[in-house]
Amino acid sequence: MAIKRFKKDAPAYFDYKDAKTLLRYMNMYGQIEPISKTGLSAKQQRQLATAIKRGRHLALLPFVTNN
């Protein structure tokens, strides 16, 4: 079973301009972490995905990383 590590630290609202917070929910390849790892509710996960995608389009977050 996956470790739910972010549930208690999740903000009430995911802001696309807050890149530091959003990077915590992305893996080393630039992918959005699944709900099983984040421990968020389905509604929060959708809000997170929307915020990350908006941040990517405004070049605040990477689409992929080169690690």
N, C-alpha and C. Protein backbone atom coordinates (compact mmCIF):
# COMPACT_ATOMS: atom_id res chain seq x y z
N MET A 1 0.85 -1.18 0.00
CA MET A 1 0.00 0.00 0.00
C MET A 1 0.89 1.24 0.00
N ALA A 2 0.50 2.21 -0.75
CA ALA A 2 1.27 3.45 -0.89
C ALA A 2 1.14 4.30 0.37
N ILE A 3 2.17 5.07 0.60
CA ILE A 3 2.20 5.97 1.76
C ILE A 3 1.51 7.27 1.38
N LYS A 4 0.53 7.66 2.17
CA LYS A 4 -0.15 8.93 1.96
C LYS A 4 0.60 9.99 2.75
N ARG A 5 1.33 10.84 2.04
CA ARG A 5 2.24 11.72 2.73
C ARG A 5 1.87 13.18 2.73
N PHE A 6 0.89 13.61 1.94
CA PHE A 6 0.62 15.03 1.81
C PHE A 6 -0.71 15.48 2.40
N LYS A 7 -1.55 14.58 2.82
CA LYS A 7 -2.93 14.91 3.21
C LYS A 7 -2.98 16.03 4.25
N LYS A 8 -2.19 15.91 5.31
CA LYS A 8 -2.28 16.90 6.39
C LYS A 8 -1.66 18.24 6.02
N ASP A 9 -0.77 18.26 5.02
CA ASP A 9 -0.10 19.49 4.62
C ASP A 9 -0.76 20.17 3.44
N ALA A 10 -1.85 19.63 2.95
CA ALA A 10 -2.49 20.16 1.74
C ALA A 10 -3.13 21.52 2.02
N PRO A 11 -2.90 22.48 1.14
CA PRO A 11 -3.56 23.78 1.31
C PRO A 11 -5.04 23.69 0.97
N ALA A 12 -5.79 24.67 1.41
CA ALA A 12 -7.23 24.68 1.13
C ALA A 12 -7.48 24.98 -0.35
N TYR A 13 -6.57 25.71 -0.98
CA TYR A 13 -6.72 26.10 -2.38
C TYR A 13 -5.36 25.99 -3.06
N PHE A 14 -5.31 25.36 -4.20
CA PHE A 14 -4.07 25.24 -4.96
C PHE A 14 -3.98 26.41 -5.94
N ASP A 15 -3.00 27.26 -5.71
CA ASP A 15 -2.81 28.44 -6.56
C ASP A 15 -1.74 28.12 -7.60
N TYR A 16 -2.03 28.37 -8.87
CA TYR A 16 -1.10 28.04 -9.94
C TYR A 16 0.16 28.89 -9.88
N LYS A 17 0.12 30.01 -9.17
CA LYS A 17 1.29 30.89 -9.06
C LYS A 17 2.25 30.44 -7.96
N ASP A 18 1.81 29.53 -7.12
CA ASP A 18 2.64 29.04 -6.02
C ASP A 18 3.40 27.79 -6.48
N ALA A 19 4.47 28.01 -7.24
CA ALA A 19 5.22 26.92 -7.85
C ALA A 19 5.88 26.02 -6.80
N LYS A 20 6.32 26.60 -5.71
CA LYS A 20 7.01 25.82 -4.69
C LYS A 20 6.10 24.73 -4.11
N THR A 21 4.86 25.07 -3.85
CA THR A 21 3.90 24.09 -3.33
C THR A 21 3.55 23.06 -4.39
N LEU A 22 3.33 23.50 -5.60
CA LEU A 22 2.94 22.57 -6.66
C LEU A 22 4.05 21.60 -7.01
N LEU A 23 5.30 22.01 -6.90
CA LEU A 23 6.41 21.11 -7.19
C LEU A 23 6.46 19.93 -6.22
N ARG A 24 5.93 20.11 -5.04
CA ARG A 24 5.89 19.01 -4.06
C ARG A 24 4.99 17.87 -4.53
N TYR A 25 4.03 18.19 -5.38
CA TYR A 25 3.07 17.20 -5.86
C TYR A 25 3.45 16.65 -7.24
N MET A 26 4.68 16.91 -7.66
CA MET A 26 5.18 16.39 -8.93
C MET A 26 6.38 15.50 -8.65
N ASN A 27 6.54 14.43 -9.45
CA ASN A 27 7.69 13.56 -9.24
C ASN A 27 8.90 14.11 -9.97
N MET A 28 10.00 13.39 -9.92
CA MET A 28 11.25 13.89 -10.48
C MET A 28 11.22 13.99 -12.01
N TYR A 29 10.25 13.39 -12.65
CA TYR A 29 10.12 13.45 -14.10
C TYR A 29 9.15 14.53 -14.56
N GLY A 30 8.56 15.26 -13.61
CA GLY A 30 7.63 16.33 -13.95
C GLY A 30 6.19 15.87 -14.06
N GLN A 31 5.90 14.65 -13.65
CA GLN A 31 4.54 14.13 -13.71
C GLN A 31 3.80 14.43 -12.40
N ILE A 32 2.50 14.55 -12.49
CA ILE A 32 1.67 14.79 -11.31
C ILE A 32 1.57 13.48 -10.53
N GLU A 33 1.80 13.56 -9.22
CA GLU A 33 1.72 12.36 -8.38
C GLU A 33 0.29 11.85 -8.34
N PRO A 34 0.10 10.54 -8.30
CA PRO A 34 -1.26 9.98 -8.27
C PRO A 34 -1.92 10.20 -6.91
N ILE A 35 -3.22 10.04 -6.90
CA ILE A 35 -4.02 10.26 -5.70
C ILE A 35 -3.62 9.30 -4.57
N SER A 36 -3.12 8.13 -4.93
CA SER A 36 -2.70 7.17 -3.92
C SER A 36 -1.47 7.65 -3.15
N LYS A 37 -0.64 8.46 -3.78
CA LYS A 37 0.54 9.00 -3.09
C LYS A 37 0.26 10.32 -2.39
N THR A 38 -0.58 11.15 -3.00
CA THR A 38 -0.84 12.46 -2.40
C THR A 38 -1.81 12.36 -1.23
N GLY A 39 -2.74 11.41 -1.29
CA GLY A 39 -3.71 11.27 -0.21
C GLY A 39 -4.79 12.34 -0.23
N LEU A 40 -4.91 13.04 -1.34
CA LEU A 40 -5.93 14.08 -1.45
C LEU A 40 -7.27 13.47 -1.82
N SER A 41 -8.32 14.24 -1.61
CA SER A 41 -9.63 13.81 -2.08
C SER A 41 -9.68 13.97 -3.60
N ALA A 42 -10.69 13.40 -4.22
CA ALA A 42 -10.81 13.49 -5.68
C ALA A 42 -10.95 14.94 -6.12
N LYS A 43 -11.71 15.72 -5.38
CA LYS A 43 -11.91 17.14 -5.73
C LYS A 43 -10.60 17.90 -5.61
N GLN A 44 -9.84 17.66 -4.55
CA GLN A 44 -8.56 18.33 -4.36
C GLN A 44 -7.57 17.92 -5.45
N GLN A 45 -7.59 16.64 -5.84
CA GLN A 45 -6.68 16.16 -6.87
C GLN A 45 -6.97 16.84 -8.21
N ARG A 46 -8.25 17.02 -8.52
CA ARG A 46 -8.62 17.71 -9.76
C ARG A 46 -8.17 19.17 -9.72
N GLN A 47 -8.34 19.82 -8.57
CA GLN A 47 -7.89 21.21 -8.42
C GLN A 47 -6.37 21.31 -8.56
N LEU A 48 -5.68 20.34 -7.99
CA LEU A 48 -4.23 20.29 -8.09
C LEU A 48 -3.79 20.13 -9.54
N ALA A 49 -4.40 19.21 -10.26
CA ALA A 49 -4.05 18.98 -11.66
C ALA A 49 -4.30 20.23 -12.50
N THR A 50 -5.41 20.89 -12.26
CA THR A 50 -5.71 22.12 -12.99
C THR A 50 -4.68 23.20 -12.70
N ALA A 51 -4.30 23.35 -11.44
CA ALA A 51 -3.32 24.37 -11.07
C ALA A 51 -1.95 24.06 -11.68
N ILE A 52 -1.54 22.79 -11.68
CA ILE A 52 -0.26 22.42 -12.27
C ILE A 52 -0.27 22.67 -13.77
N LYS A 53 -1.36 22.31 -14.43
CA LYS A 53 -1.44 22.52 -15.88
C LYS A 53 -1.42 24.00 -16.23
N ARG A 54 -2.07 24.83 -15.44
CA ARG A 54 -2.03 26.28 -15.68
C ARG A 54 -0.61 26.82 -15.46
N GLY A 55 0.03 26.34 -14.41
CA GLY A 55 1.41 26.76 -14.15
C GLY A 55 2.36 26.35 -15.25
N ARG A 56 2.14 25.18 -15.83
CA ARG A 56 2.97 24.74 -16.95
C ARG A 56 2.79 25.63 -18.16
N HIS A 57 1.56 26.00 -18.47
CA HIS A 57 1.31 26.82 -19.65
C HIS A 57 1.86 28.23 -19.50
N LEU A 58 1.99 28.70 -18.28
CA LEU A 58 2.56 30.03 -18.05
C LEU A 58 4.07 29.97 -17.78
N ALA A 59 4.67 28.78 -17.96
CA ALA A 59 6.11 28.56 -17.80
C ALA A 59 6.58 28.77 -16.37
N LEU A 60 5.70 28.56 -15.40
CA LEU A 60 6.10 28.60 -14.00
C LEU A 60 6.58 27.23 -13.53
N LEU A 61 6.11 26.19 -14.20
CA LEU A 61 6.48 24.81 -13.88
C LEU A 61 6.95 24.12 -15.14
N PRO A 62 7.82 23.12 -15.00
CA PRO A 62 8.31 22.41 -16.19
C PRO A 62 7.30 21.37 -16.68
N PHE A 63 7.29 21.15 -18.00
CA PHE A 63 6.49 20.05 -18.54
C PHE A 63 7.21 18.73 -18.26
N VAL A 64 8.52 18.72 -18.48
CA VAL A 64 9.37 17.57 -18.17
C VAL A 64 10.67 18.11 -17.58
N THR A 65 11.35 17.26 -16.85
CA THR A 65 12.65 17.64 -16.32
C THR A 65 13.71 16.81 -17.03
N ASN A 66 14.93 17.23 -16.97
CA ASN A 66 15.99 16.50 -17.64
C ASN A 66 16.92 15.85 -16.62
N ASN A 67 16.32 15.18 -15.65
CA ASN A 67 17.13 14.42 -14.66
C ASN A 67 17.29 13.01 -15.14
